[in-house]
Amino acid sequence: MKFEVSVEKRMYATGKVTVDCDTADQAIALVENQIANGVLQTTAVDWNDAQYEDCSFATTGDVD
């Protein structure tokens, strides 16, 4: 018998958002708040190229 086992390799991307604050902690809090409230959308982020996540190659548990 032959089986098709689903596998995955996760990718991630990092980006930057420019905000005007007095301190770095305030800037992080502002961006986190904007994300949590849906104010900051992914389309507003200046994204870098996506990279594979280390050690993320694994099976998904699905088999056909």
Protein backbone atom coordinates (compact mmCIF):
# COMPACT_ATOMS: atom_id res chain seq x y z
CA MET A 1 0.00 0.00 0.00
CA LYS A 2 1.09 3.59 -0.63
CA PHE A 3 0.23 6.49 1.63
CA GLU A 4 0.51 10.23 1.17
CA VAL A 5 1.75 11.74 4.42
CA SER A 6 1.30 15.50 4.75
CA VAL A 7 4.38 17.42 5.85
CA GLU A 8 4.94 21.07 6.66
CA LYS A 9 7.76 23.59 6.91
CA ARG A 10 6.74 26.85 8.56
CA MET A 11 7.86 30.24 7.31
CA TYR A 12 7.90 33.58 9.05
CA ALA A 13 8.49 37.17 8.03
CA THR A 14 9.54 40.16 10.07
CA GLY A 15 8.80 43.75 9.25
CA LYS A 16 8.89 47.28 10.61
CA VAL A 17 6.25 49.82 11.54
CA THR A 18 7.23 53.44 12.24
CA VAL A 19 5.52 55.13 15.20
CA ASP A 20 6.17 58.40 17.06
CA CYS A 21 6.65 57.87 20.83
CA ASP A 22 8.84 59.13 23.68
CA THR A 23 10.39 55.74 24.58
CA ALA A 24 10.98 52.33 23.01
CA ASP A 25 8.66 50.72 25.57
CA GLN A 26 5.87 53.12 24.60
CA ALA A 27 6.45 52.31 20.92
CA ILE A 28 6.14 48.56 21.55
CA ALA A 29 3.01 49.07 23.68
CA LEU A 30 1.44 51.28 21.01
CA VAL A 31 2.03 48.77 18.21
CA GLU A 32 0.84 45.84 20.36
CA ASN A 33 -2.32 47.80 21.19
CA GLN A 34 -2.90 48.64 17.52
CA ILE A 35 -2.53 44.95 16.59
CA ALA A 36 -4.85 43.79 19.40
CA ASN A 37 -7.54 46.30 18.40
CA GLY A 38 -7.30 45.64 14.66
CA VAL A 39 -6.06 49.16 13.92
CA LEU A 40 -2.73 48.00 12.45
CA GLN A 41 -3.20 45.77 9.43
CA THR A 42 -0.52 43.56 7.85
CA THR A 43 -0.71 45.64 4.66
CA ALA A 44 0.74 48.61 6.59
CA VAL A 45 3.93 46.72 7.51
CA ASP A 46 7.19 47.00 5.55
CA TRP A 47 7.93 43.24 5.36
CA ASN A 48 11.32 41.61 4.80
CA ASP A 49 11.66 38.41 2.76
CA ALA A 50 10.11 35.36 4.40
CA GLN A 51 12.43 32.77 5.96
CA TYR A 52 11.96 29.15 6.96
CA GLU A 53 11.61 28.55 10.70
CA ASP A 54 14.48 26.41 12.03
CA CYS A 55 13.57 22.82 12.98
CA SER A 56 9.97 23.24 11.75
CA PHE A 57 10.01 20.41 9.17
CA ALA A 58 7.51 17.83 10.47
CA THR A 59 4.48 15.74 9.63
CA THR A 60 1.03 17.25 10.12
CA GLY A 61 -0.59 13.99 11.21
CA ASP A 62 -2.75 13.77 8.07
CA VAL A 63 -2.48 10.68 5.87
CA ASP A 64 -4.38 9.83 2.70
